[in-house]
Protein backbone atom coordinates (compact mmCIF):
# COMPACT_ATOMS: atom_id res chain seq x y z
CA UNK A 1 13.05 -3.63 -10.19
CA UNK A 2 13.37 -6.12 -7.37
CA UNK A 3 10.67 -8.14 -5.73
CA UNK A 4 9.93 -10.68 -3.27
CA UNK A 5 9.08 -13.96 -5.36
CA UNK A 6 7.24 -17.18 -4.33
CA UNK A 7 7.21 -19.90 -6.88
CA UNK A 8 3.57 -20.98 -6.36
CA UNK A 9 0.74 -20.82 -3.83
CA UNK A 10 2.14 -23.60 -1.55
CA UNK A 11 5.73 -22.51 -1.52
CA UNK A 12 6.97 -22.12 1.97
CA UNK A 13 10.06 -20.09 0.85
CA UNK A 14 10.88 -16.96 -1.14
CA UNK A 15 13.62 -15.33 -2.97
CA UNK A 16 14.60 -11.80 -3.78
CA UNK A 17 14.25 -11.58 -7.39
CA UNK A 18 15.54 -8.96 -9.99
CA UNK A 19 13.47 -8.23 -13.17
CA UNK A 20 14.18 -5.43 -15.54
CA UNK A 21 11.50 -3.00 -16.53
CA UNK A 22 11.32 -4.23 -20.03
CA UNK A 23 10.77 -7.85 -18.98
CA UNK A 24 8.17 -6.83 -16.44
CA UNK A 25 6.19 -4.75 -18.89
CA UNK A 26 6.33 -7.68 -21.43
CA UNK A 27 4.93 -10.01 -18.64
CA UNK A 28 1.93 -7.54 -18.18
CA UNK A 29 1.36 -7.41 -21.95
CA UNK A 30 1.80 -11.17 -22.35
CA UNK A 31 0.85 -13.20 -19.25
CA UNK A 32 2.04 -16.63 -18.27
CA UNK A 33 -0.25 -19.45 -19.58
CA UNK A 34 -0.78 -21.79 -16.68
CA UNK A 35 -3.63 -24.37 -16.45
CA UNK A 36 -3.67 -24.52 -12.66
CA UNK A 37 -4.39 -21.32 -10.65
CA UNK A 38 -2.26 -22.88 -7.86
CA UNK A 39 0.92 -22.91 -9.76
CA UNK A 40 0.92 -19.20 -10.67
CA UNK A 41 4.02 -17.31 -9.24
CA UNK A 42 3.26 -14.80 -6.64
CA UNK A 43 5.15 -11.53 -5.64
CA UNK A 44 5.27 -8.73 -3.07
CA UNK A 45 6.60 -5.37 -4.27
CA UNK A 46 9.09 -5.02 -1.32
CA UNK A 47 12.25 -5.73 0.16
CA UNK A 48 13.39 -8.43 2.69
CA UNK A 49 14.96 -7.77 5.96
CA UNK A 50 18.64 -8.21 6.43
CA UNK A 51 18.22 -10.86 9.15
CA UNK A 52 16.09 -13.61 7.85
CA UNK A 53 14.08 -16.44 9.31
CA UNK A 54 15.22 -19.40 7.18
CA UNK A 55 13.64 -22.77 6.20
CA UNK A 56 16.36 -25.25 7.45
CA UNK A 57 16.38 -27.74 4.40
CA UNK A 58 16.66 -25.22 1.72
CA UNK A 59 18.16 -22.40 3.78
CA UNK A 60 15.84 -19.91 1.87
CA UNK A 61 13.75 -17.26 3.58
CA UNK A 62 10.41 -18.20 4.78
CA UNK A 63 7.24 -16.74 3.35
CA UNK A 64 6.34 -14.83 6.45
CA UNK A 65 5.69 -11.16 7.15
CA UNK A 66 8.41 -11.02 9.73
CA UNK A 67 10.99 -11.46 6.86
CA UNK A 68 9.67 -8.43 5.07
CA UNK A 69 11.25 -4.95 5.61
CA UNK A 70 9.05 -2.68 3.49
CA UNK A 71 6.78 -2.41 0.54
CA UNK A 72 7.26 0.16 -2.38
CA UNK A 73 3.99 -0.55 -3.99
CA UNK A 74 0.50 -1.29 -2.86
CA UNK A 75 -1.05 -4.43 -4.47
CA UNK A 76 -4.86 -4.73 -4.63
CA UNK A 77 -7.36 -7.41 -5.63
CA UNK A 78 -10.86 -6.61 -7.07
CA UNK A 79 -13.62 -9.21 -7.62
CA UNK A 80 -16.72 -7.80 -5.92
CA UNK A 81 -18.30 -5.91 -8.62
CA UNK A 82 -16.34 -2.70 -8.74
CA UNK A 83 -15.72 -2.57 -12.52
CA UNK A 84 -12.35 -1.85 -14.34
CA UNK A 85 -13.87 1.26 -15.82
CA UNK A 86 -15.16 2.49 -12.28
CA UNK A 87 -11.59 1.97 -11.02
CA UNK A 88 -10.01 3.90 -14.05
CA UNK A 89 -12.45 6.88 -13.60
CA UNK A 90 -12.03 6.99 -9.65
CA UNK A 91 -8.32 6.75 -9.56
CA UNK A 92 -7.40 8.32 -12.90
CA UNK A 93 -5.01 10.72 -10.95
CA UNK A 94 -2.73 7.78 -9.75
CA UNK A 95 0.06 5.89 -11.43
CA UNK A 96 -0.77 2.23 -11.62
CA UNK A 97 -0.70 -0.99 -13.50
CA UNK A 98 -3.91 -3.00 -13.90
CA UNK A 99 -4.30 -6.48 -15.18
CA UNK A 100 -7.07 -9.01 -15.15
CA UNK A 101 -6.87 -12.17 -13.01
CA UNK A 102 -6.76 -15.84 -13.87
CA UNK A 103 -10.55 -16.26 -13.46
CA UNK A 104 -11.46 -13.15 -15.44
CA UNK A 105 -14.28 -14.01 -17.90
CA UNK A 106 -15.02 -17.32 -16.26
CA UNK A 107 -16.68 -15.80 -13.06
CA UNK A 108 -19.12 -13.05 -12.56
CA UNK A 109 -17.79 -9.38 -12.32
CA UNK A 110 -14.59 -7.90 -13.48
CA UNK A 111 -11.88 -9.58 -11.67
CA UNK A 112 -8.37 -7.74 -11.61
CA UNK A 113 -5.32 -6.80 -9.74
CA UNK A 114 -3.77 -3.22 -9.45
CA UNK A 115 -0.29 -2.24 -8.48
CA UNK A 116 0.13 1.20 -7.34
CA UNK A 117 3.86 2.53 -6.80
CA UNK A 118 4.26 4.43 -3.55
CA UNK A 119 5.90 7.89 -3.18
CA UNK A 120 7.47 6.59 0.19
CA UNK A 121 8.01 3.06 1.13
CA UNK A 122 5.76 1.47 3.65
CA UNK A 123 7.28 -0.47 6.46
CA UNK A 124 5.47 -3.71 6.70
CA UNK A 125 5.39 -3.38 10.38
CA UNK A 126 3.12 -0.39 10.35
CA UNK A 127 0.22 -2.49 8.86
CA UNK A 128 -1.61 -2.58 12.15
CA UNK A 129 -5.33 -2.43 12.45
CA UNK A 130 -5.60 1.46 12.23
CA UNK A 131 -3.41 1.62 9.24
CA UNK A 132 -5.40 -1.10 7.54
CA UNK A 133 -8.62 0.61 8.14
CA UNK A 134 -7.28 3.76 6.76
CA UNK A 135 -6.01 2.00 3.50
CA UNK A 136 -9.46 0.28 3.05
CA UNK A 137 -11.11 3.69 3.28
CA UNK A 138 -9.06 4.88 0.30
CA UNK A 139 -9.73 1.63 -1.62
CA UNK A 140 -12.92 0.53 -0.22
CA UNK A 141 -13.86 -1.92 -3.12
CA UNK A 142 -10.58 -3.86 -2.77
CA UNK A 143 -10.33 -7.15 -1.01
CA UNK A 144 -9.57 -6.24 2.66
CA UNK A 145 -6.92 -8.88 2.96
CA UNK A 146 -4.75 -6.86 0.55
CA UNK A 147 -3.92 -4.78 3.59
CA UNK A 148 -2.70 -7.67 5.57
CA UNK A 149 1.07 -7.95 6.47
CA UNK A 150 2.56 -10.34 3.74
CA UNK A 151 -0.15 -10.29 1.14
CA UNK A 152 1.05 -12.12 -1.87
CA UNK A 153 -0.31 -11.12 -5.37
CA UNK A 154 -0.26 -13.44 -8.24
CA UNK A 155 1.59 -12.35 -11.48
CA UNK A 156 -0.35 -12.09 -14.72
CA UNK A 157 -1.49 -15.42 -15.92
CA UNK A 158 -4.28 -16.94 -18.14
CA UNK A 159 -5.52 -20.56 -18.18
CA UNK A 160 -5.13 -21.11 -21.78
CA UNK A 161 -4.00 -18.99 -24.87
CA UNK A 162 -7.64 -18.26 -25.82
CA UNK A 163 -8.66 -16.98 -22.37
CA UNK A 164 -9.65 -13.24 -22.08
CA UNK A 165 -7.02 -10.82 -20.86
CA UNK A 166 -6.88 -7.12 -20.33
CA UNK A 167 -4.20 -4.76 -19.01
CA UNK A 168 -3.98 -1.06 -18.56
CA UNK A 169 -0.91 1.22 -17.57
CA UNK A 170 -1.87 4.63 -16.14
CA UNK A 171 0.73 7.44 -16.00
CA UNK A 172 -0.50 9.32 -13.17
CA UNK A 173 1.09 10.45 -9.73
CA UNK A 174 2.65 8.17 -7.20
CA UNK A 175 0.49 7.35 -4.26
CA UNK A 176 1.35 9.37 -1.40
CA UNK A 177 0.43 7.74 1.81
CA UNK A 178 0.58 9.65 5.24
CA UNK A 179 3.59 7.57 6.53
CA UNK A 180 4.08 9.60 9.52
CA UNK A 181 0.54 9.14 10.54
CA UNK A 182 0.92 5.34 10.10
CA UNK A 183 3.99 5.53 12.22
CA UNK A 184 1.89 7.16 15.05
CA UNK A 185 -0.81 4.41 14.52
CA UNK A 186 1.77 1.73 14.77
CA UNK A 187 3.49 3.15 17.97
CA UNK A 188 -0.08 3.47 19.58
CA UNK A 189 -0.85 -0.05 18.79
CA UNK A 190 2.60 -1.19 20.29
CA UNK A 191 1.85 0.81 23.42
CA UNK A 192 -1.65 -0.45 23.68
CA UNK A 193 -0.38 -4.00 23.33
CA UNK A 194 2.20 -3.45 25.95
CA UNK A 195 -0.35 -1.87 28.29
CA UNK A 196 -2.49 -5.04 27.88
CA UNK A 197 0.47 -7.10 28.74
CA UNK A 198 1.09 -5.14 31.84
CA UNK A 199 -2.45 -5.11 32.82
CA UNK A 200 -2.65 -8.97 32.42
CA UNK A 201 0.12 -9.26 35.01
CA UNK A 202 -1.10 -6.55 37.35
CA UNK A 203 -1.64 -8.97 40.18
CA UNK A 204 1.99 -9.82 40.53
CA UNK A 205 2.49 -7.74 43.54
CA UNK A 206 1.04 -10.19 46.02
CA UNK A 207 1.55 -9.41 49.75
CA UNK A 208 3.39 -6.17 48.57
CA UNK A 209 6.30 -7.94 47.07
CA UNK A 210 7.18 -5.89 44.16
CA UNK A 211 10.28 -7.94 43.05
CA UNK A 212 8.59 -9.61 40.20
CA UNK A 213 6.91 -6.32 39.09
CA UNK A 214 10.26 -4.62 38.88
CA UNK A 215 11.76 -7.62 36.99
CA UNK A 216 8.83 -7.41 34.60
CA UNK A 217 9.26 -3.60 34.18
CA UNK A 218 13.08 -4.05 33.49
CA UNK A 219 12.47 -6.80 30.73
CA UNK A 220 9.86 -4.43 29.07
CA UNK A 221 12.40 -1.44 29.20
CA UNK A 222 15.23 -3.62 27.88
CA UNK A 223 13.07 -4.51 24.76
CA UNK A 224 12.11 -0.91 23.95
CA UNK A 225 13.76 -0.08 20.56
CA UNK A 226 16.11 2.91 20.00
CA UNK A 227 14.39 6.21 19.33
CA UNK A 228 13.65 9.07 21.78
CA UNK A 229 10.03 9.38 20.96
CA UNK A 230 9.56 5.74 21.20
CA UNK A 231 11.50 5.28 24.49
CA UNK A 232 9.52 8.32 26.03
CA UNK A 233 6.09 6.85 25.40
CA UNK A 234 6.95 3.34 26.33
CA UNK A 235 9.06 4.12 29.41
CA UNK A 236 6.24 6.49 30.62
CA UNK A 237 3.73 3.75 30.17
CA UNK A 238 5.70 1.21 32.14
CA UNK A 239 6.30 3.73 35.08
CA UNK A 240 2.59 4.70 35.06
CA UNK A 241 1.88 1.02 35.49
CA UNK A 242 4.36 0.80 38.50
CA UNK A 243 2.72 3.83 39.94
CA UNK A 244 -0.77 2.20 39.67
CA UNK A 245 0.19 -0.76 41.59
CA UNK A 246 1.94 1.42 44.25
CA UNK A 247 5.51 0.37 43.58
CA UNK A 248 7.70 2.13 46.16
CA UNK A 249 10.14 4.58 44.81
CA UNK A 250 13.17 2.65 46.26
CA UNK A 251 12.20 -0.22 44.07
CA UNK A 252 11.58 1.94 41.04
CA UNK A 253 14.84 3.56 41.28
CA UNK A 254 16.73 0.10 40.96
CA UNK A 255 15.56 0.09 37.29
CA UNK A 256 18.37 0.25 34.87
CA UNK A 257 17.69 3.23 32.45
CA UNK A 258 19.73 4.39 29.45
CA UNK A 259 22.68 6.65 30.43
CA UNK A 260 21.30 9.54 28.45
CA UNK A 261 18.01 9.32 30.23
CA UNK A 262 18.58 10.17 33.78
CA UNK A 263 16.98 13.50 33.45
CA UNK A 264 13.84 12.28 31.56
CA UNK A 265 13.52 9.30 33.90
CA UNK A 266 13.59 11.63 37.10
CA UNK A 267 11.00 14.06 35.37
CA UNK A 268 8.72 11.14 34.85
CA UNK A 269 9.10 9.99 38.44
CA UNK A 270 8.58 13.52 39.73
CA UNK A 271 5.27 13.66 37.59
CA UNK A 272 3.91 10.32 38.59
CA UNK A 273 4.89 10.04 42.35
CA UNK A 274 5.01 13.82 43.11
C-alpha cells in the first residue's frame, strides 16, 4: 500500500511512502516502542495531488489538506468510553483494522484507532460540513476531528515493551460511502460560499455603475471548474445575482462565456430577465 507519511507530530512536511502488506500487518501486530507520544509517525491513507505546495528549504510537500487528493480509507479515533467490544459488535459487518493507542491502559476508557478501507475513494475536498455531519452520524462515538480534512492518525506504538496493546483485524465488507451524495453536498457548499461572496459585494453598483459588478461576475465565471453540472449551477447563481441588482442586459451580454454554452447562457438570460 501507499500512504502519506509524517515523521512526527511537529513535522511540517510529508512524503508518499510505500509499505508492503506483510510489513504493514507486522507493524499492526508488533507496534513501535516509542517513549514520547509526540515522536510517533503519523499517516493518512490517501494519495497526494500532482501539483504540491512545497516547503522551500526541504522541497518536500507541506502537511496541509490542499496537498491531498483523496483518501482510500477512513481513519477513526475512539477514547470517550465506547469500548472495543461495543465497536466490534456494532460494526461487525465491516472490514477494518483496530489497534489500541499509545495511552491505552494508562488513561480511563478503551482508547483505540480504527482503519476502514473504502469501496470508493473519497476526495478530500468533499469533507465539508454536511459530509462531516453525515460521517459523524455513522460513527457518532468517534472523535469528530477524524472527519476534518487532513486528519493525521498515529501508527501503532506503545510507550515501553511491557505496555498493554491489543489489535483486531475484521474481514468484513468494504465501507460503502454515498460518494455521489457527498459530491452534491460539496457542490452545494461551494455555491453557498460563492453566494455569500456575491452578497457581500452586492453594493458595488453605486450610482447604477455596473462595471465593477460585471468584472466581479467575469472573475467568478473564469474560476468555475470544468464540468457541465458544475458550470450550470454556478453560472446560474452568478446571473441570478446580476438580475437581483438589476444589471442591464447590455452589460450582462458582455460576459465571456464558454464557446459551447451560448444556448445555455441565453436560456438562463431568458429565464431570469424574461
